[in-house]
Amino acid sequence: MNHARSIWVTGAGNGLGLALVEGLLGQGHRVAASGKPSEALAALSARFGSQLLCLPWQLHDEQQAALASQQICHAWCSLDGLILNAGTSDYAADGLADSELFEAIVTSNQLAVEHCLAHARPLLATGNAAQVMAVFNRYSALQLYAPTQTTAGWNNLPQWLREQRQALKAQGVALTVVGPQSLKTPVTSAQAIPEAWTPQSAAEELLQRWPQGEPELVLEALDLSELWPLPRK
């Protein structure tokens, strides 16, 4: 990205989402951040002023997603990019048992992704070479329902997004899906080795690769809690 763009980042309160916001701001872009309130996000807001637009963050609630998109529309009228941090645990309630937490991550991210994409599409359609990037981890990429059946949009969120690719392309919007390699539906024959990504190193790599418009990127992380902190017990 060689010129300033307007980009909405979800799950932006900590970890990878926060690092993506900071990286984009450092590149001179205007960023709309939907993130659970944090000291780090507040510090970025104080540092970058009007370059950073802080939005509602509980995007699994359709009204919150609609309000966020309305605020973007009022501020900028269009969007050039949407980064869906679809690995965040922000939408899961605090204090969930481990047996409930991972399903909550999948289902709440599914709602947030569907709501955000639906409300962002009119803004992206009027953007400049608009792009969407959705980033998953091994939890949010799980196939929860009928896991023995063929992967499809109704039982797997990354696949659901892939099924939106043609409609987005018709609007002039490119889609990049980022996540762990799936054994059932591998996107590359190359072996992906888990790496010790930090939020900053992962964000730097993704922001460098995103403008190239690759439809699929593989991200395997050794420590998921480093990039996507889990809610406190």
Protein backbone atom coordinates (compact mmCIF):
# COMPACT_ATOMS: atom_id res chain seq x y z
CA MET A 1 0.00 0.00 0.00
CA ASN A 2 1.79 3.10 -1.23
CA HIS A 3 -0.96 5.62 -0.49
CA ALA A 4 -3.28 6.27 2.42
CA ARG A 5 -6.29 3.99 2.58
CA SER A 6 -9.30 3.67 4.89
CA ILE A 7 -9.37 0.29 6.63
CA TRP A 8 -11.64 -1.30 9.25
CA VAL A 9 -10.00 -3.80 11.63
CA THR A 10 -12.07 -6.00 13.95
CA GLY A 11 -10.91 -7.73 17.13
CA ALA A 12 -8.50 -4.83 17.53
CA GLY A 13 -8.18 -4.51 21.31
CA ASN A 14 -5.16 -6.76 21.81
CA GLY A 15 -2.82 -9.30 20.24
CA LEU A 16 -2.70 -9.55 16.46
CA GLY A 17 -5.65 -7.22 15.90
CA LEU A 18 -4.02 -4.43 17.87
CA ALA A 19 -0.69 -4.97 16.08
CA LEU A 20 -2.45 -4.74 12.71
CA VAL A 21 -4.00 -1.42 13.74
CA GLU A 22 -0.65 -0.07 14.89
CA GLY A 23 1.06 -1.26 11.72
CA LEU A 24 -1.53 0.35 9.44
CA LEU A 25 -1.42 3.63 11.36
CA GLY A 26 2.36 3.62 11.10
CA GLN A 27 2.00 3.29 7.32
CA GLY A 28 -0.15 6.41 7.29
CA HIS A 29 -3.54 4.79 6.72
CA ARG A 30 -6.82 5.80 8.31
CA VAL A 31 -7.98 3.00 10.57
CA ALA A 32 -11.37 2.20 12.05
CA ALA A 33 -10.77 -0.12 15.01
CA SER A 34 -13.42 -2.31 16.59
CA GLY A 35 -11.66 -3.49 19.70
CA LYS A 36 -12.49 -4.29 23.29
CA PRO A 37 -11.35 -1.25 25.29
CA SER A 38 -7.73 -1.52 26.40
CA GLU A 39 -4.96 0.78 27.58
CA ALA A 40 -2.96 0.01 24.45
CA LEU A 41 -5.80 0.95 22.11
CA ALA A 42 -6.46 4.12 24.11
CA ALA A 43 -2.78 5.04 23.80
CA LEU A 44 -2.94 4.64 20.02
CA SER A 45 -6.04 6.83 19.93
CA ALA A 46 -4.23 9.56 21.88
CA ARG A 47 -1.17 9.26 19.67
CA PHE A 48 -2.84 9.22 16.26
CA GLY A 49 -5.89 11.38 16.89
CA SER A 50 -8.38 11.57 14.01
CA GLN A 51 -6.35 9.05 12.00
CA LEU A 52 -7.85 6.37 14.28
CA LEU A 53 -11.62 5.93 14.52
CA CYS A 54 -12.68 3.81 17.50
CA LEU A 55 -15.88 1.87 16.85
CA PRO A 56 -18.29 -0.49 18.66
CA TRP A 57 -16.60 -3.84 19.18
CA GLN A 58 -19.30 -6.39 20.06
CA LEU A 59 -19.80 -7.22 16.43
CA HIS A 60 -21.51 -10.57 16.99
CA ASP A 61 -24.48 -8.31 17.79
CA GLU A 62 -25.84 -7.17 14.42
CA GLN A 63 -26.93 -3.79 15.80
CA GLN A 64 -23.36 -3.10 16.93
CA ALA A 65 -21.99 -4.09 13.53
CA ALA A 66 -24.53 -1.87 11.81
CA LEU A 67 -23.65 1.05 14.10
CA ALA A 68 -19.95 0.58 13.40
CA SER A 69 -20.49 0.66 9.64
CA GLN A 70 -22.70 3.74 9.98
CA GLN A 71 -19.93 5.55 11.82
CA ILE A 72 -17.47 4.64 9.06
CA CYS A 73 -19.93 5.89 6.44
CA HIS A 74 -20.35 9.20 8.25
CA ALA A 75 -16.60 9.63 8.68
CA TRP A 76 -15.24 8.44 5.33
CA CYS A 77 -18.19 7.48 3.06
CA SER A 78 -16.35 4.37 1.81
CA LEU A 79 -13.86 1.65 2.76
CA ASP A 80 -10.73 0.47 0.97
CA GLY A 81 -10.10 -2.48 3.26
CA LEU A 82 -11.68 -4.72 5.88
CA ILE A 83 -9.56 -6.95 8.12
CA LEU A 84 -11.67 -9.50 9.96
CA ASN A 85 -9.70 -10.76 12.93
CA ALA A 86 -11.77 -13.92 13.05
CA GLY A 87 -9.66 -15.58 15.72
CA THR A 88 -10.49 -13.18 18.50
CA SER A 89 -12.07 -14.38 21.72
CA ASP A 90 -13.45 -10.91 22.51
CA TYR A 91 -16.99 -11.96 21.68
CA ALA A 92 -16.93 -14.94 24.07
CA ALA A 93 -18.22 -14.33 27.59
CA ASP A 94 -15.69 -14.22 30.42
CA GLY A 95 -15.49 -17.24 32.69
CA LEU A 96 -16.52 -19.89 30.18
CA ALA A 97 -15.30 -23.43 30.82
CA ASP A 98 -12.73 -24.74 28.36
CA SER A 99 -15.32 -27.18 27.06
CA GLU A 100 -17.53 -24.24 26.07
CA LEU A 101 -14.92 -21.66 25.13
CA PHE A 102 -13.75 -22.98 21.77
CA GLU A 103 -17.26 -23.47 20.42
CA ALA A 104 -18.06 -19.94 21.61
CA ILE A 105 -15.05 -18.61 19.70
CA VAL A 106 -16.23 -20.29 16.50
CA THR A 107 -19.90 -19.34 16.75
CA SER A 108 -19.37 -15.74 17.91
CA ASN A 109 -16.78 -15.07 15.22
CA GLN A 110 -19.14 -16.52 12.64
CA LEU A 111 -21.81 -14.02 13.61
CA ALA A 112 -19.33 -11.13 13.68
CA VAL A 113 -17.88 -11.99 10.27
CA GLU A 114 -21.30 -12.34 8.66
CA HIS A 115 -22.60 -9.09 10.17
CA CYS A 116 -19.47 -7.05 9.40
CA LEU A 117 -19.15 -8.25 5.83
CA ALA A 118 -22.83 -7.61 5.13
CA HIS A 119 -22.68 -4.05 6.44
CA ALA A 120 -19.26 -3.28 4.98
CA ARG A 121 -19.99 -4.43 1.43
CA PRO A 122 -21.71 -1.21 0.27
CA LEU A 123 -18.76 0.79 1.64
CA LEU A 124 -16.21 -1.53 0.02
CA ALA A 125 -18.04 -1.36 -3.31
CA THR A 126 -17.25 2.36 -3.48
CA GLY A 127 -13.70 1.97 -2.17
CA ASN A 128 -10.46 2.14 -4.12
CA ALA A 129 -9.26 -1.36 -5.15
CA ALA A 130 -11.00 -2.65 -2.04
CA GLN A 131 -9.76 -5.75 -0.24
CA VAL A 132 -10.99 -8.02 2.54
CA MET A 133 -8.68 -10.14 4.66
CA ALA A 134 -10.02 -12.65 7.19
CA VAL A 135 -7.56 -14.16 9.68
CA PHE A 136 -8.36 -17.43 11.46
CA ASN A 137 -6.63 -19.58 14.04
CA ARG A 138 -7.02 -23.31 14.56
CA TYR A 139 -10.00 -22.74 16.88
CA SER A 140 -12.03 -20.35 14.76
CA ALA A 141 -11.31 -22.44 11.65
CA LEU A 142 -12.81 -25.56 13.23
CA GLN A 143 -15.58 -27.45 11.49
CA LEU A 144 -17.98 -27.78 14.41
CA TYR A 145 -21.05 -29.25 12.77
CA ALA A 146 -20.90 -32.66 11.11
CA PRO A 147 -17.07 -32.66 11.24
CA THR A 148 -16.87 -35.95 9.33
CA GLN A 149 -18.75 -34.53 6.36
CA THR A 150 -17.32 -32.53 3.47
CA THR A 151 -16.25 -29.03 4.41
CA ALA A 152 -18.89 -26.53 3.28
CA GLY A 153 -20.05 -23.02 4.04
CA TRP A 154 -22.75 -24.15 6.45
CA ASN A 155 -20.32 -25.97 8.74
CA ASN A 156 -17.04 -24.05 8.38
CA LEU A 157 -16.54 -20.27 8.50
CA PRO A 158 -13.40 -20.04 6.30
CA GLN A 159 -15.24 -22.02 3.63
CA TRP A 160 -18.30 -19.78 3.98
CA LEU A 161 -16.06 -16.79 3.26
CA ARG A 162 -14.55 -18.50 0.23
CA GLU A 163 -18.07 -18.96 -1.09
CA GLN A 164 -18.50 -15.16 -0.98
CA ARG A 165 -15.44 -14.63 -3.18
CA GLN A 166 -17.23 -14.48 -6.53
CA ALA A 167 -19.88 -12.05 -5.31
CA LEU A 168 -17.19 -9.83 -3.80
CA LYS A 169 -15.14 -10.01 -7.00
CA ALA A 170 -18.19 -8.86 -8.96
CA GLN A 171 -18.16 -5.75 -6.75
CA GLY A 172 -14.46 -5.23 -7.38
CA VAL A 173 -13.48 -6.49 -3.92
CA ALA A 174 -10.63 -9.00 -3.48
CA LEU A 175 -10.69 -11.59 -0.68
CA THR A 176 -7.74 -13.13 1.16
CA VAL A 177 -8.38 -15.94 3.66
CA VAL A 178 -5.60 -16.48 6.20
CA GLY A 179 -5.50 -19.48 8.51
CA PRO A 180 -3.91 -22.78 9.44
CA GLN A 181 -3.51 -25.46 6.81
CA SER A 182 -6.52 -27.76 6.69
CA LEU A 183 -5.85 -31.47 6.34
CA LYS A 184 -9.26 -31.97 4.70
CA THR A 185 -9.06 -29.08 2.25
CA PRO A 186 -5.39 -27.99 1.94
CA VAL A 187 -4.87 -24.75 0.03
CA THR A 188 -1.26 -25.49 -0.83
CA SER A 189 0.94 -28.56 -1.22
CA ALA A 190 3.74 -26.87 0.71
CA GLN A 191 4.26 -27.98 4.29
CA ALA A 192 3.44 -25.23 6.77
CA ILE A 193 5.53 -25.37 9.93
CA PRO A 194 4.18 -23.61 13.03
CA GLU A 195 6.29 -20.58 13.90
CA ALA A 196 6.78 -18.52 17.05
CA TRP A 197 4.92 -15.51 15.69
CA THR A 198 4.57 -12.41 17.82
CA PRO A 199 1.64 -10.06 17.18
CA GLN A 200 4.06 -7.58 15.62
CA SER A 201 5.89 -10.06 13.37
CA ALA A 202 2.63 -11.66 12.18
CA ALA A 203 1.05 -8.26 11.51
CA GLU A 204 4.11 -7.10 9.57
CA GLU A 205 4.06 -10.23 7.41
CA LEU A 206 0.32 -10.02 6.73
CA LEU A 207 0.40 -6.33 5.87
CA GLN A 208 3.31 -6.94 3.51
CA ARG A 209 1.53 -9.82 1.74
CA TRP A 210 -2.03 -8.44 1.69
CA PRO A 211 -1.56 -5.92 -1.16
CA GLN A 212 -0.43 -8.76 -3.42
CA GLY A 213 -4.02 -10.02 -3.45
CA GLU A 214 -3.28 -13.69 -2.83
CA PRO A 215 -6.55 -15.59 -2.28
CA GLU A 216 -5.12 -17.84 0.45
CA LEU A 217 -2.33 -17.43 3.00
CA VAL A 218 -1.29 -20.05 5.56
CA LEU A 219 -0.52 -18.90 9.10
CA GLU A 220 0.53 -21.57 11.60
CA ALA A 221 1.32 -20.27 15.09
CA LEU A 222 3.04 -22.15 17.90
CA ASP A 223 1.37 -20.09 20.63
CA LEU A 224 -2.16 -19.02 19.78
CA SER A 225 -2.60 -17.08 23.03
CA GLU A 226 0.23 -14.77 21.94
CA LEU A 227 -1.72 -13.64 18.88
CA TRP A 228 -5.25 -14.16 20.23
CA PRO A 229 -5.34 -13.77 24.03
CA LEU A 230 -8.04 -15.86 25.67
CA PRO A 231 -10.52 -14.27 28.08
CA ARG A 232 -9.55 -14.27 31.72
CA LYS A 233 -11.07 -16.89 34.00
